[in-house]
Amino acid sequence: QVQLVESGGGLVQAGGSLRLSCAASGRTSSSYVMGWFRQPPGKERQFVAAIRWRDSSTYYADSVRGRFTVSRDNAKNTVYLQMNSLKPEDTAVYYCAADIPPMSALTIRSMRSYDYWGQGTQVTVSS
């Protein structure tokens, strides 16, 4: 099994930046796809970004493309989500998730494709 722990959330003003981290432990693999999802207050969980560990291919939701960057550190088994130009609508609980491919460009954006989830970290962007 894989354990995922998010960190780095907090309160930031609109236009500011935050960097989230997700540390993986247990039966980790270089074949994992690591995804970021978020759940705004009163809304369903939604896809944010993902990275394919094998070749570092990245995927982004249209709402964050150009502002957020997902990356990884192989030595630390950690994935990062750098969030710039934050907006109030980015306020949500952010979750990291992991699964082993094969995963298509479509299914990589679906929360149903992931078996392992972190506990979430709160990000609040004030207007």
C-alpha atoms as a PDB file:
ATOM      1  CA  GLN A   1       0.000   0.000   0.000  1.00  0.00           C
ATOM      2  CA  VAL A   2       0.958   3.631  -0.468  1.00  0.00           C
ATOM      3  CA  GLN A   3       0.579   6.430   2.057  1.00  0.00           C
ATOM      4  CA  LEU A   4       0.346  10.040   0.890  1.00  0.00           C
ATOM      5  CA  VAL A   5       0.737  13.117   3.088  1.00  0.00           C
ATOM      6  CA  GLU A   6       0.046  16.638   1.816  1.00  0.00           C
ATOM      7  CA  SER A   7       1.491  19.795   3.314  1.00  0.00           C
ATOM      8  CA  GLY A   8       1.969  23.460   2.473  1.00  0.00           C
ATOM      9  CA  GLY A   9      -1.592  24.736   2.580  1.00  0.00           C
ATOM     10  CA  GLY A  10      -2.554  27.974   4.243  1.00  0.00           C
ATOM     11  CA  LEU A  11      -4.065  31.416   3.839  1.00  0.00           C
ATOM     12  CA  VAL A  12      -2.857  33.712   1.076  1.00  0.00           C
ATOM     13  CA  GLN A  13      -4.094  36.896  -0.559  1.00  0.00           C
ATOM     14  CA  ALA A  14      -5.275  36.949  -4.159  1.00  0.00           C
ATOM     15  CA  GLY A  15      -2.308  37.149  -6.499  1.00  0.00           C
ATOM     16  CA  GLY A  16      -0.032  35.337  -4.074  1.00  0.00           C
ATOM     17  CA  SER A  17       1.632  31.943  -4.276  1.00  0.00           C
ATOM     18  CA  LEU A  18       1.748  28.673  -2.386  1.00  0.00           C
ATOM     19  CA  ARG A  19       3.694  25.461  -2.876  1.00  0.00           C
ATOM     20  CA  LEU A  20       2.038  22.203  -1.885  1.00  0.00           C
ATOM     21  CA  SER A  21       3.974  19.009  -1.248  1.00  0.00           C
ATOM     22  CA  CYS A  22       2.854  15.396  -1.267  1.00  0.00           C
ATOM     23  CA  ALA A  23       5.221  12.855   0.249  1.00  0.00           C
ATOM     24  CA  ALA A  24       4.704   9.205  -0.649  1.00  0.00           C
ATOM     25  CA  SER A  25       5.766   6.210   1.415  1.00  0.00           C
ATOM     26  CA  GLY A  26       5.180   2.483   1.415  1.00  0.00           C
ATOM     27  CA  ARG A  27       5.088   0.522  -1.821  1.00  0.00           C
ATOM     28  CA  THR A  28       6.020   3.380  -4.107  1.00  0.00           C
ATOM     29  CA  SER A  29       6.869   2.899  -7.756  1.00  0.00           C
ATOM     30  CA  SER A  30       8.366   4.957 -10.552  1.00  0.00           C
ATOM     31  CA  SER A  31       5.376   3.858 -12.641  1.00  0.00           C
ATOM     32  CA  TYR A  32       2.893   5.883 -10.587  1.00  0.00           C
ATOM     33  CA  VAL A  33       0.796   8.689 -11.916  1.00  0.00           C
ATOM     34  CA  MET A  34       0.447  11.395  -9.276  1.00  0.00           C
ATOM     35  CA  GLY A  35      -2.567  13.665  -9.411  1.00  0.00           C
ATOM     36  CA  TRP A  36      -3.803  16.754  -7.607  1.00  0.00           C
ATOM     37  CA  PHE A  37      -7.499  17.275  -6.973  1.00  0.00           C
ATOM     38  CA  ARG A  38      -9.373  19.919  -5.041  1.00  0.00           C
ATOM     39  CA  GLN A  39     -12.772  20.241  -3.426  1.00  0.00           C
ATOM     40  CA  PRO A  40     -14.132  23.778  -3.043  1.00  0.00           C
ATOM     41  CA  PRO A  41     -16.704  24.438  -0.312  1.00  0.00           C
ATOM     42  CA  GLY A  42     -20.051  22.927  -1.271  1.00  0.00           C
ATOM     43  CA  LYS A  43     -18.756  21.493  -4.553  1.00  0.00           C
ATOM     44  CA  GLU A  44     -17.594  18.157  -5.914  1.00  0.00           C
ATOM     45  CA  ARG A  45     -13.956  17.156  -6.022  1.00  0.00           C
ATOM     46  CA  GLN A  46     -12.333  18.233  -9.281  1.00  0.00           C
ATOM     47  CA  PHE A  47      -9.143  17.561 -11.210  1.00  0.00           C
ATOM     48  CA  VAL A  48      -6.321  20.102 -10.938  1.00  0.00           C
ATOM     49  CA  ALA A  49      -3.100  18.624 -12.323  1.00  0.00           C
ATOM     50  CA  ALA A  50      -1.197  15.372 -12.727  1.00  0.00           C
ATOM     51  CA  ILE A  51       2.271  14.120 -13.573  1.00  0.00           C
ATOM     52  CA  ARG A  52       3.280  10.815 -15.094  1.00  0.00           C
ATOM     53  CA  TRP A  53       6.316   9.628 -13.135  1.00  0.00           C
ATOM     54  CA  ARG A  54       7.859   7.682 -15.993  1.00  0.00           C
ATOM     55  CA  ASP A  55       8.439  10.609 -18.350  1.00  0.00           C
ATOM     56  CA  SER A  56       7.300  13.682 -16.360  1.00  0.00           C
ATOM     57  CA  SER A  57       4.386  14.348 -18.711  1.00  0.00           C
ATOM     58  CA  THR A  58       2.022  16.836 -17.101  1.00  0.00           C
ATOM     59  CA  TYR A  59      -1.696  17.530 -17.355  1.00  0.00           C
ATOM     60  CA  TYR A  60      -3.656  20.549 -16.160  1.00  0.00           C
ATOM     61  CA  ALA A  61      -7.223  21.661 -15.763  1.00  0.00           C
ATOM     62  CA  ASP A  62      -8.038  24.625 -17.982  1.00  0.00           C
ATOM     63  CA  SER A  63      -8.744  26.753 -14.922  1.00  0.00           C
ATOM     64  CA  VAL A  64      -5.160  26.455 -13.632  1.00  0.00           C
ATOM     65  CA  ARG A  65      -3.072  26.075 -16.793  1.00  0.00           C
ATOM     66  CA  GLY A  66      -0.389  28.746 -16.910  1.00  0.00           C
ATOM     67  CA  ARG A  67      -0.678  29.452 -13.179  1.00  0.00           C
ATOM     68  CA  PHE A  68       0.014  26.069 -11.544  1.00  0.00           C
ATOM     69  CA  THR A  69       2.988  23.788 -12.102  1.00  0.00           C
ATOM     70  CA  VAL A  70       3.241  20.157 -11.015  1.00  0.00           C
ATOM     71  CA  SER A  71       6.669  18.577 -10.582  1.00  0.00           C
ATOM     72  CA  ARG A  72       8.361  15.686  -8.810  1.00  0.00           C
ATOM     73  CA  ASP A  73      11.498  14.799  -6.864  1.00  0.00           C
ATOM     74  CA  ASN A  74      12.413  11.145  -7.403  1.00  0.00           C
ATOM     75  CA  ALA A  75      14.910  11.002  -4.544  1.00  0.00           C
ATOM     76  CA  LYS A  76      12.337  12.249  -2.037  1.00  0.00           C
ATOM     77  CA  ASN A  77       9.299  10.450  -3.493  1.00  0.00           C
ATOM     78  CA  THR A  78       7.552  13.791  -3.416  1.00  0.00           C
ATOM     79  CA  VAL A  79       5.316  15.619  -5.857  1.00  0.00           C
ATOM     80  CA  TYR A  80       4.838  19.389  -5.741  1.00  0.00           C
ATOM     81  CA  LEU A  81       2.151  21.771  -6.866  1.00  0.00           C
ATOM     82  CA  GLN A  82       3.422  25.313  -7.315  1.00  0.00           C
ATOM     83  CA  MET A  83       0.441  27.664  -7.341  1.00  0.00           C
ATOM     84  CA  ASN A  84       0.950  31.215  -8.595  1.00  0.00           C
ATOM     85  CA  SER A  85      -1.452  34.087  -9.251  1.00  0.00           C
ATOM     86  CA  LEU A  86      -3.950  32.562  -6.863  1.00  0.00           C
ATOM     87  CA  LYS A  87      -7.599  33.545  -7.105  1.00  0.00           C
ATOM     88  CA  PRO A  88     -10.409  33.313  -4.538  1.00  0.00           C
ATOM     89  CA  GLU A  89     -11.978  30.539  -6.621  1.00  0.00           C
ATOM     90  CA  ASP A  90      -8.868  28.437  -5.943  1.00  0.00           C
ATOM     91  CA  THR A  91     -10.000  28.114  -2.319  1.00  0.00           C
ATOM     92  CA  ALA A  92     -10.457  24.408  -1.595  1.00  0.00           C
ATOM     93  CA  VAL A  93      -9.134  21.374   0.188  1.00  0.00           C
ATOM     94  CA  TYR A  94      -6.360  20.030  -2.024  1.00  0.00           C
ATOM     95  CA  TYR A  95      -5.700  16.294  -2.246  1.00  0.00           C
ATOM     96  CA  CYS A  96      -2.903  14.339  -3.837  1.00  0.00           C
ATOM     97  CA  ALA A  97      -3.597  10.924  -5.311  1.00  0.00           C
ATOM     98  CA  ALA A  98      -1.665   8.090  -6.922  1.00  0.00           C
ATOM     99  CA  ASP A  99      -2.225   5.091  -9.131  1.00  0.00           C
ATOM    100  CA  ILE A 100      -0.317   2.797 -11.471  1.00  0.00           C
ATOM    101  CA  PRO A 101      -0.865   3.205 -15.213  1.00  0.00           C
ATOM    102  CA  PRO A 102      -1.960   2.441 -17.890  1.00  0.00           C
ATOM    103  CA  MET A 103      -4.043   5.605 -17.772  1.00  0.00           C
ATOM    104  CA  SER A 104      -5.219   7.550 -20.783  1.00  0.00           C
ATOM    105  CA  ALA A 105      -5.223  11.306 -21.135  1.00  0.00           C
ATOM    106  CA  LEU A 106      -8.931  11.175 -20.325  1.00  0.00           C
ATOM    107  CA  THR A 107      -8.903   8.820 -17.344  1.00  0.00           C
ATOM    108  CA  ILE A 108      -5.924  10.573 -15.759  1.00  0.00           C
ATOM    109  CA  ARG A 109      -8.324  13.440 -15.038  1.00  0.00           C
ATOM    110  CA  SER A 110     -10.879  11.211 -13.266  1.00  0.00           C
ATOM    111  CA  MET A 111     -10.756  10.680  -9.519  1.00  0.00           C
ATOM    112  CA  ARG A 112     -12.117   7.178 -10.116  1.00  0.00           C
ATOM    113  CA  SER A 113      -8.758   6.277 -11.686  1.00  0.00           C
ATOM    114  CA  TYR A 114      -6.846   6.676  -8.419  1.00  0.00           C
ATOM    115  CA  ASP A 115      -6.594   4.148  -5.592  1.00  0.00           C
ATOM    116  CA  TYR A 116      -4.434   6.066  -3.108  1.00  0.00           C
ATOM    117  CA  TRP A 117      -5.320   9.410  -1.542  1.00  0.00           C
ATOM    118  CA  GLY A 118      -3.846  11.811   0.971  1.00  0.00           C
ATOM    119  CA  GLN A 119      -5.785  13.450   3.786  1.00  0.00           C
ATOM    120  CA  GLY A 120      -5.967  16.859   2.128  1.00  0.00           C
ATOM    121  CA  THR A 121      -4.616  20.302   2.943  1.00  0.00           C
ATOM    122  CA  GLN A 122      -6.647  23.510   3.105  1.00  0.00           C
ATOM    123  CA  VAL A 123      -5.870  26.385   0.754  1.00  0.00           C
ATOM    124  CA  THR A 124      -7.710  29.643   1.344  1.00  0.00           C
ATOM    125  CA  VAL A 125      -7.315  32.627  -0.982  1.00  0.00           C
ATOM    126  CA  SER A 126      -8.706  35.909   0.314  1.00  0.00           C
ATOM    127  CA  SER A 127     -10.085  38.554  -2.030  1.00  0.00           C
END
